[in-house]
Protein backbone atom coordinates (compact mmCIF):
# COMPACT_ATOMS: atom_id res chain seq x y z
CA THR A 1 -28.41 112.38 2.79
CA LEU A 2 -26.76 115.24 0.99
CA PHE A 3 -25.73 112.87 -1.80
CA GLU A 4 -29.36 111.87 -2.46
CA LYS A 5 -30.46 115.51 -2.44
CA VAL A 6 -27.83 116.36 -5.04
CA LEU A 7 -28.79 113.34 -7.15
CA LEU A 8 -32.42 114.42 -7.21
CA LYS A 9 -31.54 118.00 -8.10
CA VAL A 10 -28.79 117.39 -10.68
CA GLN A 11 -29.90 113.98 -12.03
CA PRO A 12 -26.44 113.01 -13.31
CA HIS A 13 -26.06 110.30 -15.93
CA VAL A 14 -22.66 109.31 -14.50
CA VAL A 15 -21.08 109.46 -11.06
CA PHE A 16 -17.29 109.04 -11.07
CA THR A 17 -15.13 108.72 -7.96
CA ILE A 18 -11.42 108.33 -7.35
CA THR A 19 -11.35 107.28 -3.73
CA ASP A 20 -11.00 104.56 -1.11
CA HIS A 21 -13.83 102.15 -0.40
CA TRP A 22 -14.79 103.68 2.93
CA MET A 23 -15.27 107.09 1.26
CA GLN A 24 -17.63 105.83 -1.48
CA LYS A 25 -19.70 103.14 0.21
CA PHE A 26 -22.75 105.42 0.45
CA ILE A 27 -22.84 105.68 -3.36
CA ASN A 28 -23.25 101.91 -3.83
CA ASP A 29 -25.84 101.86 -1.05
CA SER A 30 -27.89 104.75 -2.44
CA PRO A 31 -31.57 103.99 -3.09
CA TYR A 32 -31.09 105.89 -6.41
CA ARG A 33 -28.17 103.70 -7.54
CA LYS A 34 -30.08 102.41 -10.59
CA CYS A 35 -30.61 105.99 -11.79
CA PHE A 36 -26.97 106.64 -12.80
CA LYS A 37 -23.91 104.88 -14.16
CA TYR A 38 -21.21 104.54 -11.52
CA ILE A 39 -17.51 104.51 -12.39
CA TRP A 40 -15.07 103.99 -9.54
CA MET A 41 -11.27 104.22 -9.54
CA PRO A 42 -10.23 102.60 -6.25
CA PRO A 43 -6.67 102.20 -5.04
CA CYS A 44 -5.33 98.66 -5.20
CA ASP A 45 -1.95 98.25 -3.53
CA ALA A 46 -2.15 94.74 -2.09
CA GLU A 47 -3.64 91.34 -2.68
CA PRO A 48 -5.98 89.84 -1.94
CA GLN A 49 -8.47 92.68 -1.88
CA ASN A 50 -11.13 92.73 0.84
CA ILE A 51 -14.19 90.72 -0.28
CA GLU A 52 -16.54 93.61 0.54
CA TRP A 53 -14.50 95.90 -1.75
CA ILE A 54 -14.63 93.34 -4.57
CA GLU A 55 -18.40 93.00 -4.17
CA ASP A 56 -18.83 96.77 -4.38
CA MET A 57 -16.55 96.90 -7.42
CA ALA A 58 -18.71 94.23 -9.07
CA SER A 59 -21.79 96.42 -8.59
CA CYS A 60 -20.19 99.33 -10.46
CA ASP A 61 -20.76 99.94 -14.13
CA ALA A 62 -16.99 100.25 -14.59
CA VAL A 63 -13.89 100.09 -12.42
CA LEU A 64 -10.74 101.90 -13.50
CA THR A 65 -7.32 100.96 -12.18
CA TYR A 66 -4.12 102.91 -11.77
CA THR A 67 -1.95 100.05 -13.06
CA ASP A 68 -2.14 96.85 -15.08
CA TRP A 69 -1.09 94.96 -11.93
CA ALA A 70 -4.13 96.28 -10.03
CA LYS A 71 -6.41 95.28 -12.91
CA GLU A 72 -5.01 91.73 -12.79
CA VAL A 73 -5.41 91.50 -8.99
CA ILE A 74 -9.04 92.62 -9.13
CA GLU A 75 -9.97 90.43 -12.10
CA LYS A 76 -8.27 87.39 -10.52
CA GLN A 77 -10.49 87.78 -7.46
CA SER A 78 -13.69 88.37 -9.39
CA PRO A 79 -14.40 88.10 -13.09
CA ARG A 80 -17.68 89.95 -12.40
CA VAL A 81 -15.78 93.23 -11.95
CA LYS A 82 -15.97 95.28 -15.15
CA SER A 83 -12.43 96.65 -14.94
CA ARG A 84 -10.79 98.82 -17.55
CA LYS A 85 -7.15 99.31 -18.42
CA PRO A 86 -5.40 102.29 -16.87
CA ALA A 87 -5.44 105.51 -18.84
CA PRO A 88 -2.39 105.92 -21.09
CA LEU A 89 0.13 108.32 -19.58
CA ALA A 90 -0.24 110.61 -22.60
CA LEU A 91 -3.87 111.27 -21.64
CA LEU A 92 -2.83 112.35 -18.16
CA GLN A 93 -0.33 114.97 -19.39
CA PRO A 94 -1.60 118.55 -19.43
CA ARG A 95 -2.19 119.90 -22.92
CA ARG A 96 0.02 122.72 -24.02
CA ALA A 97 -1.69 125.83 -25.27
CA ALA A 98 -0.81 127.01 -28.77
CA THR A 99 0.92 130.03 -27.21
CA ASP A 100 3.27 127.71 -25.24
CA GLN A 101 4.96 126.38 -28.38
């Protein structure tokens, strides 16, 4: 696949996606999966989560969530998921240039 070709050429240390399960499934299934760290930020807007999604989350090196609620939902379904707290809002704000002050 194109993904495997890019992996072989670029050889990334980390692959990070912010996407739905159906758009990232090929990453978990890649024969080169052990060659990079995979961080996934999936949407979580309902409970329970699909078992297949939870299994794929558990195979990631880290799972980021948008909210504390999503982190709790995912962890309640599987303690194997290495979830992280959402990023503080301050980190998501654009930095102002010195000339903007």
